Structure formats: C-alpha cells, structure tokens
C-alpha cells in the first residue's frame, strides 16, 4: 500500500513539474526579444590574480600599494583591511614595478609588464607617474620596453630615477637595459645596454649613498608554448655596478660569482653598511651553485652562502632588513628567512603551504612593518 501511494505521489509530482517547465518555456519565449536588448557591464572588482610588487610609506605605516600581474595598482590606508583600485584608466594593467619617491610620497612611478617567467606572461606599455598619491596617472614613455622589473628613485629628488627594463620576452628588441631620467620621465637616456636579447630586471642601492647602485641584467627568452624546462639563462646575465648614480656601469664577474651563463638575479644592498654588504639571489641551473651569494666588500668578492636552490626565474627577489644586515628574506613558494647573513634559512611565511611570494617591502623606519 505504501508503494502504491509513493508511485501515485511521484506521478503527481512529475506531472506538476512538466506543467511548471512548460510554463517556464512559454515565459522564456515571450521574454526573448527583451534579452536581446540586455548588455553586460563589469561592476568589479576585476580579479588580477597574484601580486607582483608592494611598497609602503615609511611615515604612514597604514598606507601601502601593491601591483597585480594583470589587475593594476591597489591602495590601502587602513593597513590592508580594505583596498581601492588606483590604475583603471591606464593602457596596461600588468604591473612589473612600483616605487614611491622617498622625498615626496605623493610621487609614484609604475612600470608595466610583469617579469616573472611564464608562458602566459602579460606585457605592458611603459612607465606611468602620479603626483597625487595614485589618484591620477600620466604615461611618461618607454612604451616598447614591454616588461619592467624595477624602478629606483633618487632619495632627495623625485625627478631623477632609473628603470630596469627587461624588454620583449618573445624576441629581440632594442628597448632593453637601464634607462635614466632627470626630469620625471620627460626625457630618457639608455645608460646600460648589453644586447637585443638581454634586459635588466633588478636595481638596488642604499638611500644613504645614492651614488652607488647595483643592477642585474637577464638574458631570457620565452616561447608561445610551455617552455618551463628550457633554462632562462645566457651570457648577457650578470651583476653591474655604478659609482655615479647610474650614469655609467661596470660589470662584476668572477671572484666568487658563478661562471656564465647565469639566469635571473635578484639584488639587495644592506642599508648602513656603506654599500659593502650586497646580497644576490642567482639562478644558475647548475647543481651546487644555485642560491644566495653575498659580498662584504661592495661587490669585489662574493661567497655562496646557501645553495638550497632558492634562485629561479619565477621569483628572483631578495630583501634585507633595513635595521640588521644579517637578516635577509628570499621570496619563493614560501618566504625563506636567515638571521646569520644567509648561512642558514628557515621558513618565515607560508610553509608548508604552496603560495607564491614575489616581493617583500620592509619599512626602513620600523622593520616590524612589512608587506
């Protein structure tokens, strides 16, 4: 008897559903002309994926900016609780570099085009400048650089800056190397150029001694297919040093540095060491040579501190604590931290997760504030 009742209920339910579906079909047909008049519009926020660069303002510990791989620039004034977009009208929203002028935090520069080696890497259209804290932006050239890895600004003059341009990932081009401007980007001078296959990816200096600047060049080539296992290295990769605030450059080689060809290199000058302590995370694709190198004499000699394979083409960033030259952080799937000048590392953030950490900024006034 229960079975019969169940069958009757099922039939009644099925019949009811058929009537509902038939009515819905009739309703859909009657609304079809209206659907043609509808148009989609984005109401945000656009998902930019992973972040590539982040900076803060030393005197305003709750203010930070970050750039996304394909999501523009974002700003927070409440230490990251909320974020507001700041780059919607730019020609490219792929961010490779972001810098704030130390002498005027309202002046910001953004370099477009991410530099992490990926087969789906997103290119940019040059450099942008803001003079009102990111409210508005002006395009200031270097359109054909395509991928910008780092920006350095004179600590006393926001009009003088250097740009490390990687260039075209997929072919040779001339807009590679280090570019220098002394008028806020109105005019540019190419001050370091290796060749049409080699660009620049990093810059580092101590703001207390802005005449001395280190740069990293990188010979890299990507292809329109999955080429993760093809080494991104070449004889053009290397470390360079300038003694005149980027006007002229000399290449550093030997004396403890790995032999060519090298891959991507990340640099960090330790503040307060008179430009003597320099860290370099180097991707060499050679067993026993890939890792963190350190110089204690301004780049004249180098020593491999840790060969844990921390160097690679996807991360390639190193940050030194502004208050302690022996504390150094290396970006990776987790953040590696050393408190003895790079000899030993432990996982500081992320482990045993699988997140990607591409950049760390530490407040030079208070090293407990970082992003």
Protein backbone atom coordinates (compact mmCIF):
# COMPACT_ATOMS: atom_id res chain seq x y z
CA UNK A 1 0.00 0.00 0.00
CA UNK A 2 2.88 2.35 0.81
CA UNK A 3 4.44 1.51 -2.50
CA UNK A 4 1.26 2.38 -4.43
CA UNK A 5 0.90 5.70 -2.62
CA UNK A 6 4.54 6.52 -3.37
CA UNK A 7 4.02 5.81 -7.06
CA UNK A 8 0.89 8.00 -7.19
CA UNK A 9 2.71 10.85 -5.43
CA UNK A 10 5.64 10.51 -7.81
CA UNK A 11 3.34 10.68 -10.83
CA UNK A 12 1.53 13.73 -9.48
CA UNK A 13 4.89 15.41 -8.77
CA UNK A 14 6.19 14.63 -12.24
CA UNK A 15 3.03 15.95 -13.87
CA UNK A 16 3.28 19.14 -11.84
CA UNK A 17 6.89 19.67 -12.82
CA UNK A 18 6.03 19.23 -16.51
CA UNK A 19 3.39 21.93 -16.21
CA UNK A 20 5.88 24.28 -14.47
CA UNK A 21 8.57 23.64 -17.10
CA UNK A 22 6.09 24.16 -19.93
CA UNK A 23 5.05 27.46 -18.38
CA UNK A 24 8.69 28.49 -17.99
CA UNK A 25 9.37 27.69 -21.64
CA UNK A 26 6.43 29.84 -22.73
CA UNK A 27 7.65 32.64 -20.47
CA UNK A 28 11.18 32.40 -21.81
CA UNK A 29 9.96 32.60 -25.38
CA UNK A 30 7.92 35.69 -24.60
CA UNK A 31 10.93 37.39 -22.98
CA UNK A 32 13.37 36.52 -25.77
CA UNK A 33 13.02 39.91 -27.52
CA UNK A 34 13.93 41.65 -24.27
CA UNK A 35 17.04 39.52 -23.73
CA UNK A 36 18.48 40.83 -26.99
CA UNK A 37 18.40 44.34 -25.55
CA UNK A 38 20.47 43.41 -22.49
CA UNK A 39 24.20 44.17 -22.37
CA UNK A 40 26.75 43.04 -19.81
CA UNK A 41 28.84 45.56 -17.89
CA UNK A 42 31.59 44.95 -15.38
CA UNK A 43 30.76 46.01 -11.83
CA UNK A 44 34.10 44.85 -10.39
CA UNK A 45 36.39 44.15 -8.84
CA UNK A 46 38.49 42.75 -11.67
CA UNK A 47 40.45 39.76 -10.42
CA UNK A 48 44.09 40.48 -11.11
CA UNK A 49 45.45 37.19 -9.85
CA UNK A 50 48.72 37.22 -8.00
CA UNK A 51 50.55 40.34 -6.83
CA UNK A 52 53.97 41.21 -8.21
CA UNK A 53 55.17 44.20 -6.18
CA UNK A 54 54.24 46.04 -2.97
CA UNK A 55 55.53 49.20 -1.28
CA UNK A 56 54.64 51.37 1.68
CA UNK A 57 55.22 54.85 3.03
CA UNK A 58 57.67 54.93 5.97
CA UNK A 59 55.95 57.82 7.78
CA UNK A 60 52.45 56.43 7.22
CA UNK A 61 52.52 52.82 8.48
CA UNK A 62 48.92 52.10 7.42
CA UNK A 63 49.41 53.09 3.77
CA UNK A 64 50.51 50.50 1.23
CA UNK A 65 50.28 49.94 -2.51
CA UNK A 66 50.52 46.71 -4.46
CA UNK A 67 50.64 45.88 -8.14
CA UNK A 68 49.00 42.83 -9.70
CA UNK A 69 50.09 40.66 -12.60
CA UNK A 70 47.07 41.75 -14.61
CA UNK A 71 44.96 43.78 -12.18
CA UNK A 72 46.54 47.21 -11.89
CA UNK A 73 47.56 49.08 -8.74
CA UNK A 74 45.67 48.98 -5.44
CA UNK A 75 45.98 51.20 -2.36
CA UNK A 76 45.09 50.75 1.30
CA UNK A 77 45.01 53.39 4.03
CA UNK A 78 43.98 51.03 6.83
CA UNK A 79 46.87 48.53 6.75
CA UNK A 80 45.20 46.20 4.29
CA UNK A 81 41.70 45.89 5.73
CA UNK A 82 40.27 47.47 2.58
CA UNK A 83 41.77 48.20 -0.83
CA UNK A 84 40.83 50.67 -3.54
CA UNK A 85 41.81 50.41 -7.23
CA UNK A 86 44.13 53.14 -8.44
CA UNK A 87 45.04 52.36 -12.05
CA UNK A 88 41.86 51.69 -14.01
CA UNK A 89 42.44 54.16 -16.83
CA UNK A 90 45.97 53.07 -17.76
CA UNK A 91 46.76 51.48 -21.08
CA UNK A 92 48.13 48.36 -19.41
CA UNK A 93 47.21 46.93 -16.01
CA UNK A 94 50.02 44.39 -15.86
CA UNK A 95 52.37 45.65 -13.14
CA UNK A 96 56.05 44.76 -13.02
CA UNK A 97 57.45 47.55 -10.83
CA UNK A 98 56.17 50.12 -8.35
CA UNK A 99 58.11 52.79 -6.46
CA UNK A 100 57.35 55.75 -4.17
CA UNK A 101 59.63 58.78 -4.07
CA UNK A 102 61.31 58.85 -0.62
CA UNK A 103 61.31 62.66 -0.57
CA UNK A 104 57.66 63.04 -1.64
CA UNK A 105 55.25 60.12 -1.09
CA UNK A 106 52.70 61.70 -3.42
CA UNK A 107 55.01 60.90 -6.33
CA UNK A 108 54.74 57.33 -7.58
CA UNK A 109 56.09 55.55 -10.61
CA UNK A 110 54.66 52.35 -12.08
CA UNK A 111 56.40 50.12 -14.62
CA UNK A 112 54.06 47.89 -16.59
CA UNK A 113 54.61 44.33 -17.77
CA UNK A 114 55.26 41.50 -15.33
CA UNK A 115 58.73 39.92 -15.35
CA UNK A 116 58.13 36.51 -13.73
CA UNK A 117 58.95 33.90 -16.38
CA UNK A 118 55.67 32.36 -17.54
CA UNK A 119 54.43 31.16 -20.90
CA UNK A 120 51.35 33.40 -20.42
CA UNK A 121 53.31 36.44 -19.22
CA UNK A 122 51.44 39.74 -19.71
CA UNK A 123 53.26 42.64 -21.36
CA UNK A 124 52.97 46.35 -20.66
CA UNK A 125 53.16 49.72 -22.38
CA UNK A 126 55.87 51.54 -20.47
CA UNK A 127 56.05 53.80 -17.44
CA UNK A 128 53.44 55.85 -15.57
CA UNK A 129 53.76 58.64 -12.99
CA UNK A 130 51.40 60.01 -10.37
CA UNK A 131 51.91 63.23 -8.40
CA UNK A 132 48.80 62.94 -6.23
CA UNK A 133 49.24 59.66 -4.39
CA UNK A 134 47.83 57.47 -7.15
CA UNK A 135 44.61 59.37 -7.85
CA UNK A 136 45.64 60.19 -11.42
CA UNK A 137 48.36 58.89 -13.71
CA UNK A 138 50.27 60.13 -16.73
CA UNK A 139 52.08 57.93 -19.25
CA UNK A 140 55.72 59.04 -19.43
CA UNK A 141 57.28 56.88 -22.11
CA UNK A 142 59.32 53.69 -22.56
CA UNK A 143 56.35 52.14 -24.35
CA UNK A 144 58.38 49.46 -26.14
CA UNK A 145 60.12 48.12 -23.03
CA UNK A 146 57.16 45.71 -22.56
CA UNK A 147 58.37 44.29 -19.23
CA UNK A 148 59.79 46.48 -16.42
CA UNK A 149 61.35 44.77 -13.43
CA UNK A 150 62.39 47.56 -11.05
CA UNK A 151 62.38 51.33 -10.51
CA UNK A 152 64.84 53.27 -8.37
CA UNK A 153 64.18 56.90 -7.36
CA UNK A 154 66.77 59.35 -6.06
CA UNK A 155 66.07 59.69 -2.31
CA UNK A 156 66.28 63.50 -2.45
CA UNK A 157 64.96 64.26 -5.92
CA UNK A 158 61.77 62.59 -7.24
CA UNK A 159 62.61 63.76 -10.77
CA UNK A 160 65.69 61.53 -11.04
CA UNK A 161 65.05 57.83 -11.49
CA UNK A 162 66.33 54.62 -13.06
CA UNK A 163 64.24 51.94 -14.74
CA UNK A 164 65.27 48.31 -15.26
CA UNK A 165 63.62 47.17 -18.49
CA UNK A 166 63.62 43.51 -19.49
CA UNK A 167 62.23 44.09 -22.98
CA UNK A 168 60.37 41.66 -25.21
CA UNK A 169 60.15 38.18 -23.71
CA UNK A 170 59.45 36.52 -27.05
CA UNK A 171 62.02 38.09 -29.35
CA UNK A 172 64.91 40.54 -29.68
CA UNK A 173 64.32 44.27 -29.27
CA UNK A 174 66.35 47.38 -28.55
CA UNK A 175 64.35 48.77 -25.64
CA UNK A 176 66.23 46.79 -23.01
CA UNK A 177 68.57 47.66 -20.17
CA UNK A 178 68.73 50.57 -17.72
CA UNK A 179 67.06 53.87 -18.58
CA UNK A 180 67.70 57.12 -16.70
CA UNK A 181 65.70 60.34 -16.44
CA UNK A 182 66.43 63.56 -14.54
CA UNK A 183 63.17 65.34 -15.37
CA UNK A 184 60.50 62.99 -14.10
CA UNK A 185 60.32 60.92 -17.27
CA UNK A 186 60.02 63.67 -19.88
CA UNK A 187 63.29 62.53 -21.42
CA UNK A 188 65.10 59.21 -21.19
CA UNK A 189 68.69 58.08 -21.70
CA UNK A 190 69.68 54.44 -22.13
CA UNK A 191 72.65 54.17 -19.77
CA UNK A 192 73.17 50.38 -19.78
CA UNK A 193 72.59 48.16 -22.78
CA UNK A 194 74.02 44.67 -23.28
CA UNK A 195 72.37 43.39 -26.47
CA UNK A 196 68.97 42.88 -28.08
CA UNK A 197 68.45 39.60 -26.20
CA UNK A 198 69.36 40.85 -22.71
CA UNK A 199 67.39 43.20 -20.49
CA UNK A 200 67.58 44.43 -16.91
CA UNK A 201 65.43 43.01 -14.14
CA UNK A 202 66.55 44.49 -10.79
CA UNK A 203 68.13 47.53 -9.12
CA UNK A 204 69.29 48.12 -5.56
CA UNK A 205 71.04 50.86 -3.58
CA UNK A 206 71.31 52.29 -0.08
CA UNK A 207 69.42 55.60 0.08
CA UNK A 208 72.15 56.95 2.33
CA UNK A 209 74.64 56.59 -0.58
CA UNK A 210 72.67 57.03 -3.80
CA UNK A 211 75.76 57.33 -5.97
CA UNK A 212 76.42 53.59 -5.67
CA UNK A 213 73.82 51.44 -7.41
CA UNK A 214 73.78 47.77 -8.38
CA UNK A 215 71.83 46.34 -11.32
CA UNK A 216 71.03 42.86 -12.61
CA UNK A 217 70.74 42.01 -16.30
CA UNK A 218 68.99 38.90 -17.56
CA UNK A 219 69.13 37.13 -20.90
CA UNK A 220 65.76 35.41 -21.13
CA UNK A 221 63.55 34.14 -23.92
CA UNK A 222 60.05 32.69 -23.70
CA UNK A 223 58.10 30.86 -26.39
CA UNK A 224 54.40 30.58 -27.26
CA UNK A 225 54.25 27.09 -25.77
CA UNK A 226 55.02 25.59 -22.38
CA UNK A 227 58.78 26.07 -22.07
CA UNK A 228 59.22 25.87 -18.31
CA UNK A 229 62.04 23.35 -18.64
CA UNK A 230 64.13 25.42 -21.02
CA UNK A 231 66.70 27.38 -18.98
CA UNK A 232 66.15 31.13 -18.96
CA UNK A 233 69.85 31.95 -18.98
CA UNK A 234 72.59 33.35 -21.16
CA UNK A 235 75.97 35.11 -21.20
CA UNK A 236 74.26 38.50 -21.02
CA UNK A 237 73.03 37.87 -17.48
CA UNK A 238 75.13 39.45 -14.76
CA UNK A 239 75.62 41.97 -11.96
CA UNK A 240 76.61 45.56 -12.71
CA UNK A 241 77.76 48.44 -10.52
CA UNK A 242 77.57 52.20 -10.95
CA UNK A 243 79.51 54.74 -8.91
CA UNK A 244 77.85 57.85 -10.37
CA UNK A 245 74.12 57.29 -9.73
CA UNK A 246 73.57 55.21 -12.81
CA UNK A 247 75.29 57.31 -15.46
CA UNK A 248 77.95 54.69 -16.22
CA UNK A 249 78.22 50.99 -15.37
CA UNK A 250 80.82 48.27 -14.97
CA UNK A 251 80.14 44.53 -14.97
CA UNK A 252 81.17 42.38 -12.00
CA UNK A 253 82.42 38.87 -12.75
CA UNK A 254 84.49 36.14 -11.19
CA UNK A 255 85.82 36.46 -7.64
CA UNK A 256 83.26 34.01 -6.30
CA UNK A 257 80.39 34.66 -8.70
CA UNK A 258 79.21 31.64 -10.70
CA UNK A 259 80.51 31.24 -14.24
CA UNK A 260 78.35 32.25 -17.19
CA UNK A 261 75.74 31.63 -18.33
CA UNK A 262 73.61 32.76 -15.43
CA UNK A 263 69.85 33.18 -15.20
CA UNK A 264 67.70 35.63 -13.28
CA UNK A 265 69.39 37.62 -10.49
CA UNK A 266 67.83 39.49 -7.58
CA UNK A 267 69.77 42.12 -5.60
CA UNK A 268 69.63 43.78 -2.18
CA UNK A 269 72.09 46.27 -0.69
CA UNK A 270 72.10 46.24 3.11
CA UNK A 271 71.49 49.77 4.50
CA UNK A 272 74.02 51.05 6.97
CA UNK A 273 76.94 49.03 5.58
CA UNK A 274 78.45 51.80 3.45
CA UNK A 275 77.46 49.85 0.30
CA UNK A 276 79.69 46.95 1.33
CA UNK A 277 77.12 44.24 2.14
CA UNK A 278 75.31 43.13 -1.01
CA UNK A 279 73.11 40.06 -1.44
CA UNK A 280 72.39 38.38 -4.77
CA UNK A 281 69.99 35.52 -5.35
CA UNK A 282 71.25 33.84 -8.53
CA UNK A 283 69.63 31.21 -10.74
CA UNK A 284 72.42 29.22 -12.39
CA UNK A 285 70.80 25.89 -13.35
CA UNK A 286 73.95 24.29 -12.03
CA UNK A 287 73.97 21.89 -9.11
CA UNK A 288 75.69 23.38 -6.10
CA UNK A 289 75.82 26.94 -7.50
CA UNK A 290 72.18 28.00 -7.47
CA UNK A 291 71.42 30.07 -4.39
CA UNK A 292 72.20 33.15 -2.31
CA UNK A 293 75.54 34.93 -2.76
CA UNK A 294 76.96 37.66 -0.51
CA UNK A 295 79.61 40.32 -0.89
CA UNK A 296 81.13 42.17 2.05
CA UNK A 297 83.33 44.49 0.01
CA UNK A 298 80.92 46.21 -2.34
CA UNK A 299 80.84 43.51 -4.99
CA UNK A 300 84.58 42.97 -5.37
CA UNK A 301 84.37 39.43 -3.98
CA UNK A 302 81.44 37.05 -3.48
CA UNK A 303 80.69 33.94 -1.48
CA UNK A 304 77.94 31.37 -1.97
CA UNK A 305 76.12 31.40 1.36
CA UNK A 306 73.34 28.90 0.71
CA UNK A 307 72.91 26.52 -2.23
CA UNK A 308 69.36 25.47 -1.38
CA UNK A 309 68.10 26.16 -4.89
CA UNK A 310 66.45 29.42 -3.81
CA UNK A 311 67.25 31.09 -7.11
CA UNK A 312 64.85 30.68 -10.04
CA UNK A 313 63.29 32.61 -12.89
CA UNK A 314 59.82 32.89 -11.38
CA UNK A 315 60.64 34.65 -8.09
CA UNK A 316 64.18 36.06 -8.01
CA UNK A 317 63.70 38.64 -5.24
CA UNK A 318 65.71 39.18 -2.06
CA UNK A 319 65.07 41.70 0.72
CA UNK A 320 67.41 42.68 3.56
CA UNK A 321 66.24 44.05 6.90
CA UNK A 322 66.94 47.81 6.98
CA UNK A 323 67.99 47.61 10.64
CA UNK A 324 70.06 44.42 10.57
CA UNK A 325 72.27 43.40 7.62
CA UNK A 326 72.34 39.79 8.81
CA UNK A 327 68.57 39.33 8.43
CA UNK A 328 67.65 38.55 4.85
CA UNK A 329 64.49 37.24 3.16
CA UNK A 330 64.28 35.30 -0.11
CA UNK A 331 61.00 35.05 -2.00
CA UNK A 332 59.70 31.67 -3.15
CA UNK A 333 56.65 29.46 -2.70
CA UNK A 334 57.26 30.31 0.94
CA UNK A 335 59.40 33.12 2.34
CA UNK A 336 62.82 31.94 3.50
CA UNK A 337 64.45 33.90 6.33
CA UNK A 338 68.05 33.96 7.53
CA UNK A 339 69.34 35.68 10.66
CA UNK A 340 73.02 34.88 10.15
CA UNK A 341 73.78 36.62 6.89
CA UNK A 342 72.47 33.88 4.62
CA UNK A 343 74.22 30.85 6.07
CA UNK A 344 71.08 29.17 7.42
CA UNK A 345 67.44 29.61 6.44
CA UNK A 346 64.09 28.76 7.96
CA UNK A 347 60.62 29.23 6.54
CA UNK A 348 59.28 32.55 7.77
CA UNK A 349 55.93 32.75 5.99
CA UNK A 350 53.85 30.30 4.01
CA UNK A 351 55.41 26.94 4.82
CA UNK A 352 54.29 24.32 4.45
CA UNK A 353 51.79 25.98 2.11
CA UNK A 354 52.09 26.44 -1.61
CA UNK A 355 51.53 30.15 -2.00
CA UNK A 356 53.68 32.34 -4.20
CA UNK A 357 55.54 35.25 -2.59
CA UNK A 358 57.09 37.56 -5.16
CA UNK A 359 58.20 40.62 -3.23
CA UNK A 360 58.71 41.98 0.29
CA UNK A 361 58.97 45.62 1.37
CA UNK A 362 60.13 46.49 4.89
CA UNK A 363 59.60 49.90 6.44
CA UNK A 364 63.06 51.49 6.82
CA UNK A 365 61.91 53.36 9.94
CA UNK A 366 60.45 50.32 11.69
CA UNK A 367 61.35 46.84 10.48
CA UNK A 368 58.29 45.34 12.18
CA UNK A 369 56.13 46.84 9.41
CA UNK A 370 56.35 44.84 6.20
CA UNK A 371 54.22 43.79 3.27
